[in-house]
Amino acid sequence: MKTLFARFAKDDSGATAIEYGLIAAGISVAIFAAVGLVGTQLNTLFTTVKTDLAG
């Protein structure tokens, strides 16, 4: 059992996949934040244009 645990502790073959997953998650969060910010600004802009055209 000790040797099995020692081999498991030394095995780092999945570490790269986990790192890439974390990087992808970070990029996704940044994209969602940017899209949310731009979407809010565009909504405000279109609302202003609509109000100016109607009035």
C-alpha atoms as a PDB file:
ATOM      1  CA  MET A   1       0.000   0.000   0.000  1.00  0.00           C
ATOM      2  CA  LYS A   2       2.890   2.342   0.788  1.00  0.00           C
ATOM      3  CA  THR A   3       4.435   1.853  -2.634  1.00  0.00           C
ATOM      4  CA  LEU A   4       1.101   2.519  -4.322  1.00  0.00           C
ATOM      5  CA  PHE A   5       0.733   5.808  -2.449  1.00  0.00           C
ATOM      6  CA  ALA A   6       4.347   6.752  -3.212  1.00  0.00           C
ATOM      7  CA  ARG A   7       3.817   6.142  -6.937  1.00  0.00           C
ATOM      8  CA  PHE A   8       0.594   8.176  -6.825  1.00  0.00           C
ATOM      9  CA  ALA A   9       2.359  11.067  -5.062  1.00  0.00           C
ATOM     10  CA  LYS A  10       5.184  11.098  -7.665  1.00  0.00           C
ATOM     11  CA  ASP A  11       2.841  10.951 -10.685  1.00  0.00           C
ATOM     12  CA  ASP A  12       2.367  14.453 -12.091  1.00  0.00           C
ATOM     13  CA  SER A  13       1.071  13.568 -15.540  1.00  0.00           C
ATOM     14  CA  GLY A  14      -2.295  15.243 -14.926  1.00  0.00           C
ATOM     15  CA  ALA A  15      -0.799  18.486 -13.591  1.00  0.00           C
ATOM     16  CA  THR A  16      -0.446  20.052 -17.039  1.00  0.00           C
ATOM     17  CA  ALA A  17      -4.080  19.374 -17.902  1.00  0.00           C
ATOM     18  CA  ILE A  18      -5.198  20.939 -14.622  1.00  0.00           C
ATOM     19  CA  GLU A  19      -3.031  24.003 -15.257  1.00  0.00           C
ATOM     20  CA  TYR A  20      -4.487  24.445 -18.744  1.00  0.00           C
ATOM     21  CA  GLY A  21      -7.965  24.095 -17.284  1.00  0.00           C
ATOM     22  CA  LEU A  22      -7.274  26.813 -14.726  1.00  0.00           C
ATOM     23  CA  ILE A  23      -5.893  29.117 -17.420  1.00  0.00           C
ATOM     24  CA  ALA A  24      -8.977  28.525 -19.588  1.00  0.00           C
ATOM     25  CA  ALA A  25     -11.249  29.246 -16.627  1.00  0.00           C
ATOM     26  CA  GLY A  26      -9.422  32.520 -15.928  1.00  0.00           C
ATOM     27  CA  ILE A  27      -9.707  33.608 -19.543  1.00  0.00           C
ATOM     28  CA  SER A  28     -13.420  32.742 -19.533  1.00  0.00           C
ATOM     29  CA  VAL A  29     -14.031  34.895 -16.462  1.00  0.00           C
ATOM     30  CA  ALA A  30     -12.211  37.816 -18.097  1.00  0.00           C
ATOM     31  CA  ILE A  31     -14.257  37.452 -21.296  1.00  0.00           C
ATOM     32  CA  PHE A  32     -17.548  37.325 -19.388  1.00  0.00           C
ATOM     33  CA  ALA A  33     -16.610  40.440 -17.421  1.00  0.00           C
ATOM     34  CA  ALA A  34     -15.622  42.346 -20.565  1.00  0.00           C
ATOM     35  CA  VAL A  35     -18.781  41.341 -22.442  1.00  0.00           C
ATOM     36  CA  GLY A  36     -20.928  42.330 -19.471  1.00  0.00           C
ATOM     37  CA  LEU A  37     -19.287  45.740 -19.231  1.00  0.00           C
ATOM     38  CA  VAL A  38     -19.513  46.458 -22.964  1.00  0.00           C
ATOM     39  CA  GLY A  39     -23.097  45.178 -23.071  1.00  0.00           C
ATOM     40  CA  THR A  40     -24.133  47.561 -20.312  1.00  0.00           C
ATOM     41  CA  GLN A  41     -22.465  50.498 -22.045  1.00  0.00           C
ATOM     42  CA  LEU A  42     -24.098  49.636 -25.378  1.00  0.00           C
ATOM     43  CA  ASN A  43     -27.492  49.352 -23.740  1.00  0.00           C
ATOM     44  CA  THR A  44     -27.059  52.824 -22.234  1.00  0.00           C
ATOM     45  CA  LEU A  45     -25.941  54.240 -25.575  1.00  0.00           C
ATOM     46  CA  PHE A  46     -28.891  52.780 -27.495  1.00  0.00           C
ATOM     47  CA  THR A  47     -31.330  53.950 -24.819  1.00  0.00           C
ATOM     48  CA  THR A  48     -29.931  57.489 -25.103  1.00  0.00           C
ATOM     49  CA  VAL A  49     -30.180  57.445 -28.899  1.00  0.00           C
ATOM     50  CA  LYS A  50     -33.755  56.133 -28.724  1.00  0.00           C
ATOM     51  CA  THR A  51     -34.732  58.857 -26.248  1.00  0.00           C
ATOM     52  CA  ASP A  52     -33.123  61.591 -28.376  1.00  0.00           C
ATOM     53  CA  LEU A  53     -34.846  60.380 -31.544  1.00  0.00           C
ATOM     54  CA  ALA A  54     -38.258  60.088 -29.859  1.00  0.00           C
ATOM     55  CA  GLY A  55     -38.083  63.535 -28.239  1.00  0.00           C
END
